Amino acid sequence: MGLWNLATDVAYSTGQPWNDRGRLRNQCYDKLFAAAVPWVYGQESYRPIWSPRQLSAMRATLGQAVHLLRVGIA
């Protein structure tokens, strides 16, 4: 979640395009958020279960995040 959020901040501050939203990516982000702060959802802990599609979307998003940071910070 940290990498995802950092990429969002860098994209906004540098004007780079960053397509980190959509139905599937939102599901992934929500799971990461719930795992980081489960008490927001009234739980003591949360352990996400990832579908193959979600894992693929997560890998793609994080790969794009790394690229965005390399370009934005260079």
Protein backbone atom coordinates (compact mmCIF):
# COMPACT_ATOMS: atom_id res chain seq x y z
CA MET A 1 0.00 0.00 0.00
CA GLY A 2 2.93 2.31 0.70
CA LEU A 3 4.29 1.96 -2.84
CA TRP A 4 0.81 2.49 -4.31
CA ASN A 5 0.27 5.65 -2.25
CA LEU A 6 3.74 7.01 -2.99
CA ALA A 7 3.20 6.51 -6.71
CA THR A 8 -0.10 8.39 -6.45
CA ASP A 9 1.62 11.30 -4.70
CA VAL A 10 4.45 11.42 -7.25
CA ALA A 11 2.00 11.24 -10.17
CA TYR A 12 -0.03 14.16 -8.84
CA SER A 13 3.02 16.26 -8.03
CA THR A 14 4.79 15.64 -11.36
CA GLY A 15 1.74 15.57 -13.63
CA GLN A 16 2.39 12.00 -14.77
CA PRO A 17 -0.54 9.84 -15.78
CA TRP A 18 -1.42 7.21 -13.17
CA ASN A 19 -4.29 4.84 -13.78
CA ASP A 20 -4.58 3.18 -10.38
CA ARG A 21 -8.35 2.89 -10.19
CA GLY A 22 -11.01 0.66 -11.64
CA ARG A 23 -13.24 -2.03 -10.21
CA LEU A 24 -10.55 -4.71 -9.83
CA ARG A 25 -7.82 -2.35 -8.67
CA ASN A 26 -10.20 -0.77 -6.17
CA GLN A 27 -10.86 -4.23 -4.71
CA CYS A 28 -7.11 -4.75 -4.32
CA TYR A 29 -6.56 -1.39 -2.69
CA ASP A 30 -9.49 -1.96 -0.33
CA LYS A 31 -7.98 -5.28 0.78
CA LEU A 32 -4.60 -3.65 1.38
CA PHE A 33 -6.26 -0.86 3.34
CA ALA A 34 -8.28 -3.29 5.44
CA ALA A 35 -5.14 -5.28 6.23
CA ALA A 36 -3.31 -2.11 7.28
CA VAL A 37 -6.09 -0.63 9.43
CA PRO A 38 -8.58 -3.40 10.22
CA TRP A 39 -10.14 -1.48 13.12
CA VAL A 40 -11.72 0.87 10.57
CA TYR A 41 -13.85 -2.11 9.58
CA GLY A 42 -14.50 -3.15 13.17
CA GLN A 43 -12.00 -6.01 13.11
CA GLU A 44 -8.89 -6.73 15.12
CA SER A 45 -7.08 -8.11 12.11
CA TYR A 46 -7.74 -8.83 8.47
CA ARG A 47 -5.96 -11.33 6.30
CA PRO A 48 -6.89 -10.87 2.64
CA ILE A 49 -7.50 -13.78 0.33
CA TRP A 50 -6.42 -12.93 -3.20
CA SER A 51 -7.95 -14.29 -6.38
CA PRO A 52 -5.63 -14.93 -9.36
CA ARG A 53 -7.17 -11.90 -11.15
CA GLN A 54 -6.56 -9.69 -8.14
CA LEU A 55 -2.96 -10.84 -7.85
CA SER A 56 -2.42 -10.11 -11.52
CA ALA A 57 -3.94 -6.65 -11.16
CA MET A 58 -1.82 -6.02 -8.07
CA ARG A 59 1.38 -7.03 -9.86
CA ALA A 60 0.53 -4.81 -12.81
CA THR A 61 -0.31 -1.85 -10.60
CA LEU A 62 2.83 -2.16 -8.50
CA GLY A 63 4.95 -2.62 -11.61
CA GLN A 64 3.48 0.58 -13.02
CA ALA A 65 4.10 2.28 -9.69
CA VAL A 66 7.80 1.39 -9.79
CA HIS A 67 8.06 2.70 -13.36
CA LEU A 68 6.27 5.91 -12.42
CA LEU A 69 8.67 6.48 -9.52
CA ARG A 70 11.73 5.83 -11.67
CA VAL A 71 10.55 8.34 -14.25
CA GLY A 72 9.18 10.87 -11.79
CA ILE A 73 12.15 10.98 -9.48
CA ALA A 74 14.88 10.83 -12.14
